[in-house]
């Protein structure tokens, strides 16, 4: 990126909640939505700020700031992950809670949207400190969550072990086992099989359908993966094993690699685990994250953070399909540019909805105390997310709007109908 482009980049609003509101406003205008309903869905229903004192290993007490936001629960109890991140902000949590509302609605799940976060750096904390922080988070807001109110799940830098600690803390407070309060748990504690790669697998089912529409043969298709955490690794690995895709580029926060003949996802992952990054992987050309997005490949999969595709670099995108596994990787201005270029964009709250869908399946299994095998989970996920893709595609074609706008039309209309039928307006 040139100096001029970096300067222009700073002029673009990258506040995720402002972007989420703008997307909502655009949809409300298009749908001619009741202004009273628009006012309700534009802001969170509830947000909680907590201070969490944690005894550190050196004997000192450190106070961490945490959040839990419920955007909307017209369709059912709120659902959404918890992030542990050193740069977490309330606006990010607000935006993610908003997107969770639309994601649940789009997949036709009986759930609303919520999200949580704690400002911390898990990489600098011991297991004991992480456990005390996880339990402290739940003890600070337990009265606002529950199986029929708000169900957290893992997100950035949280995992099944952290979910197990949180579930156990809530169960202690409730005085009985409450497996249904948290999803993303280890299977031995009521977690669903198939949850680990659900986000990636669900998005790849969407990519499969999109490739059919675009006339793209995924067997041998070149794929670039930006972000090589849990989602990115599973995207790269499954794209090859399920469809025969060729992973030609991979990046993480420190940089990226490119090899036109393809990279071995497992080998790159092992290199990252040993060295801390994908960079310096042997036999590959070093590239930047910005360069990865502009490669001449068939598919780009943003799997990292928000606002990486903007009006500045969108004109230089060469991929036929963008599959958004990250939340909010494309700005509204970039959406329209990509649509005019003929890029088939698979919006985040469709493409990465596999996680919440299998989390919903986990809730169903917890309530019934009957657990499914992986084949049943994958079959049900495929059916749900494939139906959602075609609903969005048909809406896009009917109204001649881009895929994100179409996804909003489908999702917002369902929430608006629920709000009206419940008599909130």
Protein backbone atom coordinates (compact mmCIF):
# COMPACT_ATOMS: atom_id res chain seq x y z
CA UNK A 1 0.00 0.00 0.00
CA UNK A 2 1.42 3.39 -0.99
CA UNK A 3 1.71 6.38 1.39
CA UNK A 4 -1.17 8.06 -0.43
CA UNK A 5 -3.34 4.96 -0.02
CA UNK A 6 -2.50 4.76 3.69
CA UNK A 7 -3.49 8.41 4.07
CA UNK A 8 -6.78 7.77 2.26
CA UNK A 9 -7.35 4.70 4.43
CA UNK A 10 -7.40 6.86 7.55
CA UNK A 11 -10.29 8.87 6.14
CA UNK A 12 -12.51 5.78 5.97
CA UNK A 13 -14.65 5.12 9.04
CA UNK A 14 -13.57 1.81 10.53
CA UNK A 15 -15.70 1.97 13.66
CA UNK A 16 -17.45 -1.41 13.45
CA UNK A 17 -20.62 -0.27 15.21
CA UNK A 18 -20.98 2.73 12.88
CA UNK A 19 -20.63 0.33 9.95
CA UNK A 20 -23.22 -2.05 11.44
CA UNK A 21 -25.63 0.86 11.92
CA UNK A 22 -25.02 2.12 8.38
CA UNK A 23 -25.77 -1.33 6.99
CA UNK A 24 -28.97 -1.42 9.04
CA UNK A 25 -29.95 2.10 7.90
CA UNK A 26 -29.45 1.17 4.25
CA UNK A 27 -31.66 -1.89 4.65
CA UNK A 28 -34.34 0.11 6.51
CA UNK A 29 -34.45 2.62 3.66
CA UNK A 30 -34.72 -0.13 1.08
CA UNK A 31 -37.48 -1.96 2.98
CA UNK A 32 -39.27 1.27 3.85
CA UNK A 33 -39.18 -0.04 7.40
CA UNK A 34 -41.48 1.32 10.10
CA UNK A 35 -39.42 4.13 11.76
CA UNK A 36 -40.31 2.77 15.21
CA UNK A 37 -38.95 -0.68 14.35
CA UNK A 38 -35.88 0.94 12.79
CA UNK A 39 -35.26 2.85 16.03
CA UNK A 40 -35.38 -0.41 18.04
CA UNK A 41 -33.03 -2.45 15.84
CA UNK A 42 -30.50 0.35 15.37
CA UNK A 43 -29.21 0.16 18.96
CA UNK A 44 -28.59 -2.63 21.50
CA UNK A 45 -31.39 -3.58 23.86
CA UNK A 46 -28.98 -3.98 26.78
CA UNK A 47 -25.29 -3.61 27.49
CA UNK A 48 -23.43 -4.41 30.68
CA UNK A 49 -19.99 -3.13 31.70
CA UNK A 50 -18.20 -4.98 34.49
CA UNK A 51 -14.90 -4.66 36.35
CA UNK A 52 -13.35 -8.05 37.12
CA UNK A 53 -10.68 -8.21 39.87
CA UNK A 54 -8.33 -11.15 39.32
CA UNK A 55 -5.59 -12.42 41.63
CA UNK A 56 -2.53 -12.78 39.44
CA UNK A 57 0.16 -15.41 39.95
CA UNK A 58 2.52 -12.85 41.49
CA UNK A 59 0.01 -12.06 44.23
CA UNK A 60 -1.16 -8.73 42.85
CA UNK A 61 -4.77 -7.97 41.90
CA UNK A 62 -5.45 -6.75 38.38
CA UNK A 63 -8.83 -5.35 37.37
CA UNK A 64 -10.05 -6.26 33.88
CA UNK A 65 -12.85 -4.51 31.99
CA UNK A 66 -15.54 -6.72 30.49
CA UNK A 67 -18.71 -6.29 28.44
CA UNK A 68 -21.85 -8.19 27.51
CA UNK A 69 -24.23 -6.74 24.94
CA UNK A 70 -27.66 -7.99 23.86
CA UNK A 71 -28.69 -6.35 20.60
CA UNK A 72 -32.12 -7.90 20.08
CA UNK A 73 -34.07 -10.90 21.38
CA UNK A 74 -37.34 -10.65 19.46
CA UNK A 75 -36.83 -14.09 17.86
CA UNK A 76 -35.50 -15.80 20.99
CA UNK A 77 -32.77 -15.69 23.65
CA UNK A 78 -29.59 -13.86 22.71
CA UNK A 79 -26.67 -15.89 21.37
CA UNK A 80 -23.07 -14.85 20.83
CA UNK A 81 -19.44 -15.42 21.68
CA UNK A 82 -17.03 -13.95 24.21
CA UNK A 83 -13.76 -12.43 23.05
CA UNK A 84 -10.61 -12.11 25.14
CA UNK A 85 -8.53 -9.50 23.31
CA UNK A 86 -6.11 -6.73 24.37
CA UNK A 87 -7.75 -4.24 21.99
CA UNK A 88 -11.38 -5.12 22.65
CA UNK A 89 -13.79 -2.16 22.55
CA UNK A 90 -17.43 -1.71 23.42
CA UNK A 91 -18.16 -0.58 19.86
CA UNK A 92 -16.73 -3.82 18.50
CA UNK A 93 -18.91 -5.81 20.90
CA UNK A 94 -21.98 -3.75 19.95
CA UNK A 95 -21.35 -4.39 16.26
CA UNK A 96 -20.78 -8.11 16.75
CA UNK A 97 -23.97 -8.41 18.82
CA UNK A 98 -25.85 -6.64 16.03
CA UNK A 99 -24.43 -8.96 13.39
CA UNK A 100 -25.34 -11.96 15.57
CA UNK A 101 -28.98 -10.84 15.49
CA UNK A 102 -28.95 -10.86 11.69
CA UNK A 103 -26.96 -14.09 11.54
CA UNK A 104 -29.42 -15.99 13.72
CA UNK A 105 -32.36 -14.54 11.82
CA UNK A 106 -30.85 -15.32 8.42
CA UNK A 107 -30.36 -18.97 9.38
CA UNK A 108 -33.95 -19.02 10.67
CA UNK A 109 -32.82 -19.91 14.20
CA UNK A 110 -35.04 -19.10 17.23
CA UNK A 111 -32.33 -16.87 18.67
CA UNK A 112 -31.36 -13.22 19.01
CA UNK A 113 -27.98 -11.52 18.97
CA UNK A 114 -25.51 -11.00 21.78
CA UNK A 115 -21.76 -10.67 22.26
CA UNK A 116 -19.23 -10.36 25.06
CA UNK A 117 -15.66 -9.34 25.53
CA UNK A 118 -12.89 -8.78 28.06
CA UNK A 119 -9.93 -6.45 27.55
CA UNK A 120 -6.96 -8.72 28.27
CA UNK A 121 -4.04 -10.43 26.58
CA UNK A 122 -4.48 -14.20 27.00
CA UNK A 123 -1.05 -14.83 25.48
CA UNK A 124 0.52 -13.19 28.54
CA UNK A 125 -1.61 -15.01 31.13
CA UNK A 126 -1.15 -18.36 32.81
CA UNK A 127 -3.85 -21.04 32.79
CA UNK A 128 -4.63 -20.23 36.42
CA UNK A 129 -5.04 -16.53 35.66
CA UNK A 130 -7.27 -17.32 32.67
CA UNK A 131 -9.44 -19.58 34.80
CA UNK A 132 -9.86 -16.94 37.50
CA UNK A 133 -10.69 -14.32 34.85
CA UNK A 134 -13.22 -16.64 33.16
CA UNK A 135 -14.97 -17.42 36.43
CA UNK A 136 -14.86 -13.76 37.44
CA UNK A 137 -16.55 -12.75 34.20
CA UNK A 138 -19.45 -15.09 34.88
CA UNK A 139 -19.78 -14.15 38.55
CA UNK A 140 -19.95 -10.48 37.51
CA UNK A 141 -22.96 -10.90 35.21
CA UNK A 142 -24.47 -14.32 35.86
CA UNK A 143 -27.91 -12.87 36.56
CA UNK A 144 -28.12 -11.52 33.00
CA UNK A 145 -27.34 -14.79 31.20
CA UNK A 146 -28.92 -18.24 31.14
CA UNK A 147 -30.25 -20.96 28.83
CA UNK A 148 -33.45 -19.00 28.16
CA UNK A 149 -31.99 -15.47 28.27
CA UNK A 150 -28.49 -15.14 26.79
CA UNK A 151 -26.16 -18.00 25.87
CA UNK A 152 -22.45 -17.19 25.41
CA UNK A 153 -19.99 -19.16 23.27
CA UNK A 154 -16.27 -19.07 22.35
CA UNK A 155 -14.83 -16.43 20.05
CA UNK A 156 -11.41 -14.82 19.53
CA UNK A 157 -8.87 -16.20 22.06
CA UNK A 158 -11.46 -18.22 23.98
CA UNK A 159 -11.89 -21.98 23.66
CA UNK A 160 -13.75 -25.05 24.98
CA UNK A 161 -11.72 -25.09 28.20
CA UNK A 162 -12.68 -21.48 28.97
CA UNK A 163 -16.31 -22.32 28.19
CA UNK A 164 -16.10 -25.28 30.60
CA UNK A 165 -14.87 -23.02 33.41
CA UNK A 166 -17.64 -20.52 32.69
CA UNK A 167 -20.33 -23.20 32.60
CA UNK A 168 -19.04 -24.64 35.87
CA UNK A 169 -19.04 -21.23 37.59
CA UNK A 170 -22.63 -20.56 36.50
CA UNK A 171 -23.65 -24.06 37.66
CA UNK A 172 -22.11 -23.44 41.08
CA UNK A 173 -24.08 -20.20 41.44
CA UNK A 174 -27.30 -21.85 40.22
CA UNK A 175 -26.75 -24.84 42.53
CA UNK A 176 -27.22 -27.38 39.74
CA UNK A 177 -25.68 -28.42 36.44
CA UNK A 178 -26.52 -25.92 33.72
CA UNK A 179 -24.83 -27.26 30.61
CA UNK A 180 -27.16 -25.19 28.41
CA UNK A 181 -25.86 -21.83 29.65
CA UNK A 182 -22.77 -22.00 27.40
CA UNK A 183 -22.07 -23.56 24.01
CA UNK A 184 -18.74 -24.52 22.50
CA UNK A 185 -18.02 -26.75 25.50
CA UNK A 186 -15.94 -29.96 25.36
CA UNK A 187 -18.15 -32.89 24.24
CA UNK A 188 -17.75 -34.64 27.61
CA UNK A 189 -19.49 -31.63 29.20
CA UNK A 190 -22.37 -31.42 26.74
CA UNK A 191 -20.56 -29.90 23.78
CA UNK A 192 -21.66 -30.86 20.29
CA UNK A 193 -19.54 -32.97 17.99
CA UNK A 194 -18.62 -31.00 14.88
CA UNK A 195 -18.40 -27.66 16.70
CA UNK A 196 -14.64 -27.23 16.27
CA UNK A 197 -14.70 -26.75 12.49
CA UNK A 198 -18.35 -25.67 12.18
CA UNK A 199 -17.63 -22.08 11.13
CA UNK A 200 -15.26 -23.17 8.38
CA UNK A 201 -17.38 -26.10 7.23
CA UNK A 202 -20.56 -24.03 7.06
CA UNK A 203 -18.84 -21.32 5.02
CA UNK A 204 -17.41 -23.89 2.65
CA UNK A 205 -20.90 -25.32 2.07
CA UNK A 206 -21.89 -21.77 1.06
CA UNK A 207 -18.79 -21.52 -1.17
CA UNK A 208 -19.74 -24.79 -2.85
CA UNK A 209 -23.16 -23.39 -3.78
CA UNK A 210 -21.66 -20.08 -4.91
CA UNK A 211 -19.13 -21.86 -7.12
CA UNK A 212 -21.97 -23.65 -8.89
CA UNK A 213 -23.67 -20.31 -9.56
CA UNK A 214 -20.42 -18.77 -10.83
CA UNK A 215 -19.48 -21.78 -12.95
CA UNK A 216 -16.26 -22.25 -10.95
CA UNK A 217 -14.83 -25.74 -10.57
CA UNK A 218 -13.50 -25.85 -7.01
CA UNK A 219 -11.30 -28.83 -7.81
CA UNK A 220 -7.98 -27.07 -8.38
CA UNK A 221 -9.38 -23.58 -7.75
CA UNK A 222 -6.86 -21.20 -6.16
CA UNK A 223 -7.73 -19.94 -2.68
CA UNK A 224 -6.09 -17.25 -0.51
CA UNK A 225 -6.73 -17.37 3.26
CA UNK A 226 -6.14 -14.22 5.31
CA UNK A 227 -5.89 -15.04 9.01
CA UNK A 228 -4.61 -18.41 10.19
CA UNK A 229 -6.26 -18.99 13.54
CA UNK A 230 -8.85 -21.67 14.23
CA UNK A 231 -11.22 -20.63 11.43
CA UNK A 232 -8.50 -19.91 8.86
CA UNK A 233 -6.73 -23.21 9.44
CA UNK A 234 -9.94 -25.22 9.10
CA UNK A 235 -10.95 -23.26 5.98
CA UNK A 236 -7.62 -24.02 4.31
CA UNK A 237 -7.60 -27.67 5.39
CA UNK A 238 -11.23 -28.48 4.55
CA UNK A 239 -11.22 -26.58 1.24
CA UNK A 240 -8.62 -29.06 0.07
CA UNK A 241 -10.07 -32.23 1.54
CA UNK A 242 -13.72 -31.49 0.69
CA UNK A 243 -13.37 -29.89 -2.73
CA UNK A 244 -9.79 -30.26 -3.94
CA UNK A 245 -9.02 -26.52 -3.76
CA UNK A 246 -5.41 -25.35 -4.03
CA UNK A 247 -4.37 -23.05 -1.15
CA UNK A 248 -1.91 -20.64 -2.77
CA UNK A 249 -1.67 -17.95 -0.07
CA UNK A 250 -1.92 -17.82 3.73
CA UNK A 251 -1.30 -14.97 6.15
CA UNK A 252 -1.53 -14.04 9.82
CA UNK A 253 -1.03 -10.80 11.75
CA UNK A 254 2.72 -10.74 11.04
CA UNK A 255 2.62 -11.34 7.28
CA UNK A 256 1.92 -13.92 4.63
CA UNK A 257 3.16 -16.46 2.10
CA UNK A 258 2.42 -17.23 -1.51
CA UNK A 259 3.15 -20.22 -3.71
CA UNK A 260 1.28 -20.50 -7.00
CA UNK A 261 1.72 -24.28 -6.93
CA UNK A 262 -0.04 -24.53 -3.57
CA UNK A 263 0.75 -24.75 0.14
CA UNK A 264 0.20 -27.64 2.56
CA UNK A 265 -2.23 -26.25 5.20
CA UNK A 266 -1.16 -28.74 7.86
CA UNK A 267 2.54 -28.10 7.31
CA UNK A 268 2.04 -24.33 7.45
CA UNK A 269 -0.01 -24.71 10.64
CA UNK A 270 2.73 -26.79 12.28
CA UNK A 271 5.28 -24.15 11.26
CA UNK A 272 3.10 -21.46 12.86
CA UNK A 273 2.77 -23.47 16.08
CA UNK A 274 6.55 -23.79 16.32
CA UNK A 275 7.57 -20.29 15.27
CA UNK A 276 4.54 -18.21 16.26
CA UNK A 277 3.74 -17.13 12.71
CA UNK A 278 3.32 -18.40 9.17
CA UNK A 279 6.11 -16.09 7.96
CA UNK A 280 9.45 -17.57 6.91
CA UNK A 281 7.80 -20.80 5.83
CA UNK A 282 10.25 -22.52 3.45
CA UNK A 283 9.49 -22.65 -0.26
CA UNK A 284 7.07 -19.72 -0.32
CA UNK A 285 7.30 -16.05 -1.30
CA UNK A 286 6.77 -13.51 1.48
CA UNK A 287 3.78 -11.20 0.94
CA UNK A 288 1.86 -8.71 3.05
CA UNK A 289 -1.75 -9.01 4.16
CA UNK A 290 -2.61 -6.19 1.76
CA UNK A 291 -0.98 -8.00 -1.16
CA UNK A 292 -2.85 -11.22 -0.37
CA UNK A 293 -6.19 -9.50 -0.92
CA UNK A 294 -5.14 -8.37 -4.38
CA UNK A 295 -3.73 -11.68 -5.66
CA UNK A 296 -4.97 -13.17 -8.92
CA UNK A 297 -6.83 -16.09 -7.29
CA UNK A 298 -10.28 -17.59 -7.66
CA UNK A 299 -11.38 -17.21 -4.03
CA UNK A 300 -10.35 -14.93 -1.15
CA UNK A 301 -11.27 -15.97 2.39
CA UNK A 302 -10.83 -13.16 4.96
CA UNK A 303 -10.66 -15.00 8.29
CA UNK A 304 -9.15 -12.33 10.54
CA UNK A 305 -10.48 -8.94 11.67
CA UNK A 306 -12.72 -6.13 10.45
CA UNK A 307 -12.34 -3.60 7.62
CA UNK A 308 -9.60 -5.19 5.51
CA UNK A 309 -11.39 -4.63 2.18
CA UNK A 310 -12.23 -0.96 1.67
CA UNK A 311 -13.01 1.44 -1.15
CA UNK A 312 -9.24 1.89 -1.52
CA UNK A 313 -8.28 -1.70 -2.35
CA UNK A 314 -11.63 -3.07 -3.59
CA UNK A 315 -10.98 -1.90 -7.20
CA UNK A 316 -7.83 -4.05 -7.22
CA UNK A 317 -9.48 -7.28 -6.03
CA UNK A 318 -9.17 -9.94 -8.74
CA UNK A 319 -10.93 -12.91 -7.11
CA UNK A 320 -14.23 -14.16 -8.49
CA UNK A 321 -15.59 -14.98 -5.02
CA UNK A 322 -14.97 -13.47 -1.58
CA UNK A 323 -16.05 -15.70 1.29
CA UNK A 324 -16.18 -13.68 4.51
CA UNK A 325 -15.33 -15.96 7.43
CA UNK A 326 -14.33 -12.94 9.54
CA UNK A 327 -16.86 -10.51 10.98
CA UNK A 328 -17.10 -7.23 9.07
CA UNK A 329 -14.05 -7.56 6.78
CA UNK A 330 -15.61 -5.43 4.01
CA UNK A 331 -16.81 -1.83 4.34
CA UNK A 332 -20.15 -0.73 2.83
CA UNK A 333 -18.32 1.41 0.24
CA UNK A 334 -16.30 -1.61 -0.87
CA UNK A 335 -19.45 -3.74 -1.12
CA UNK A 336 -20.84 -1.62 -3.93
CA UNK A 337 -17.52 -1.50 -5.80
CA UNK A 338 -17.20 -5.29 -5.67
CA UNK A 339 -20.81 -5.75 -6.78
CA UNK A 340 -20.27 -3.51 -9.81
CA UNK A 341 -17.10 -5.48 -10.63
CA UNK A 342 -19.08 -8.72 -10.64
CA UNK A 343 -17.35 -10.21 -7.59
CA UNK A 344 -19.65 -12.73 -5.88
CA UNK A 345 -19.35 -11.77 -2.21
CA UNK A 346 -20.59 -14.17 0.47
CA UNK A 347 -21.41 -11.88 3.41
CA UNK A 348 -20.07 -12.61 6.87
CA UNK A 349 -23.30 -13.26 8.68
CA UNK A 350 -24.15 -15.90 6.07
CA UNK A 351 -20.71 -17.33 5.41
CA UNK A 352 -19.58 -17.67 9.04
CA UNK A 353 -22.94 -18.73 10.46
CA UNK A 354 -21.89 -22.36 10.80
CA UNK A 355 -20.65 -21.70 14.33
CA UNK A 356 -23.89 -20.30 15.69
CA UNK A 357 -25.88 -22.95 13.84
CA UNK A 358 -24.00 -25.80 15.50
CA UNK A 359 -24.12 -23.87 18.78
CA UNK A 360 -27.91 -23.92 18.38
CA UNK A 361 -27.70 -27.66 17.72
CA UNK A 362 -25.68 -27.94 20.96
CA UNK A 363 -28.46 -26.13 22.83
CA UNK A 364 -31.05 -28.53 21.38
CA UNK A 365 -28.94 -31.51 22.43
CA UNK A 366 -28.43 -30.07 25.94
CA UNK A 367 -32.17 -29.54 26.40
CA UNK A 368 -33.06 -33.03 25.14
CA UNK A 369 -30.02 -34.76 26.72
CA UNK A 370 -29.68 -36.73 23.49
CA UNK A 371 -26.48 -36.23 21.51
CA UNK A 372 -25.94 -36.61 17.76
CA UNK A 373 -23.00 -38.06 15.84
CA UNK A 374 -20.88 -35.85 13.58
CA UNK A 375 -22.60 -37.05 10.41
CA UNK A 376 -25.98 -35.87 11.71
CA UNK A 377 -24.52 -32.49 12.75
CA UNK A 378 -22.90 -31.90 9.36
CA UNK A 379 -26.03 -33.00 7.48
CA UNK A 380 -28.25 -30.62 9.43
CA UNK A 381 -25.71 -27.78 9.08
CA UNK A 382 -25.49 -28.29 5.32
CA UNK A 383 -29.28 -28.20 4.98
CA UNK A 384 -29.68 -25.03 7.08
CA UNK A 385 -26.90 -22.97 5.54
CA UNK A 386 -27.56 -24.05 1.95
CA UNK A 387 -31.19 -22.94 2.29
CA UNK A 388 -30.01 -19.59 3.69
CA UNK A 389 -27.61 -19.04 0.77
CA UNK A 390 -30.29 -19.61 -1.85
CA UNK A 391 -32.72 -17.38 0.02
CA UNK A 392 -30.14 -14.58 -0.12
CA UNK A 393 -29.24 -15.28 -3.76
CA UNK A 394 -32.88 -15.22 -4.86
CA UNK A 395 -33.47 -11.95 -2.98
CA UNK A 396 -30.36 -10.43 -4.57
CA UNK A 397 -31.59 -11.34 -8.03
CA UNK A 398 -35.20 -10.29 -7.38
CA UNK A 399 -34.32 -6.82 -6.11
CA UNK A 400 -31.08 -6.41 -8.12
CA UNK A 401 -29.05 -5.67 -4.99
CA UNK A 402 -25.73 -7.00 -3.72
CA UNK A 403 -25.56 -10.13 -1.58
CA UNK A 404 -25.02 -8.30 1.71
CA UNK A 405 -28.02 -6.06 1.10
CA UNK A 406 -30.04 -9.15 0.21
CA UNK A 407 -28.94 -10.93 3.39
CA UNK A 408 -30.02 -7.89 5.39
CA UNK A 409 -33.40 -7.81 3.65
CA UNK A 410 -34.07 -11.45 4.59
CA UNK A 411 -32.77 -11.14 8.17
CA UNK A 412 -34.15 -7.72 9.09
CA UNK A 413 -37.61 -8.54 7.76
CA UNK A 414 -37.87 -11.60 10.03
CA UNK A 415 -36.83 -9.60 13.11
CA UNK A 416 -39.14 -6.72 12.15
CA UNK A 417 -42.06 -9.12 11.75
CA UNK A 418 -41.35 -10.62 15.19
CA UNK A 419 -41.16 -7.17 16.80
CA UNK A 420 -44.47 -6.18 15.25
CA UNK A 421 -46.24 -9.45 16.13
CA UNK A 422 -45.02 -9.21 19.74
CA UNK A 423 -46.56 -5.75 19.98
CA UNK A 424 -43.34 -3.87 20.73
CA UNK A 425 -44.44 -1.12 18.35
